[in-house]
């Protein structure tokens, strides 16, 4: 089972996400009455990034998708280079802006001021702005009142984590898509006992499939109860193992992957290694940054976002990443 996060899965319109999906469709429409701003709040893994990706894919105009942390990092870099006007021009020339995880700008006054200026400019030009956060606008901490007011002036939608019926629907959909033999009673147990996000369901199903494969058994209720109780643990690959496999896939040395370089034959596998490290180990961005010699965690954030975008657009790269993922999770022999 190759699962690289909720964003890699086709959207399944369960009730909890339907209103937000409708709002995003309106934002993307050519209707003269469409909104200029849509704000989506919800807990991690609820599908906000999935909706943002689909929104960007459906538009052919000048667009950009960033996390709030990336926006702040780009502003800081522009300030250090004394090129804030260039930063402003880049963003204000956009027709579409997606800014994810706005809560990351808490207390960052200058970043909030610049984002507000970009949004105001886009409203005047009838651009489109999609903003996501973990909380509703009025509950965001240390946030400029003017920015809060502007966001409230758009369409504000909240997403909940899926309920039991939706969790069962998602599990059956995922099992069918990945050709995993999931008994009905196991799906029902997971739906009842996994109370978190859709991402948690993906993790539970992936662990079940992996454990059944490496043990030579089948997915059944005893195995599902082990997973839910936390008694069945699959050790993730080490950072060194991921680096070695990625380097071998792309024909370079592991040492090159851990060195900074702007050469394209290094940049792509380096970003791939960071992306897979995050996906397979769940390591925090700062730990990944330290391992790969990055100056700060925003480089890893950018790498992961860039890889998610490219995987949806480049079949050859997607095939290579899936091959590495399969070897590292034991789905096939790695050889050598």
Foldseek 3Di string as FASTA:
>chain_A
DDDLAPLVDPDDCDPLCPVVLVLLVLLLDPDPPGWQEEEEAAAPQACLVNSVLVSVVVDDFFEDEDELVLLVVVCVVCVVVVNNVVVLVSLLVGQEYEYEANLVCAPVVVSLVSVLVSSVSNVVVSGHYYYYHNDQLVPRHNHDPVSSVVNVVTHYYYGYADALVVQLVLLVVVCVVVVAPDDSVLSSVCSVLVPDHSRSSVVLVVLQRLVCVVVVHHRDDVSSVCSSVVNDDDDFDDLVLLLCLLCVLLVHHSVLLLDDDPDPSNLLSNLLSLSVCCRRPVDDQQVSCVRSVHPGSVVNVVSNVVVSSVLVPPVVSVVSSSVSVCCRSVVDPPDD
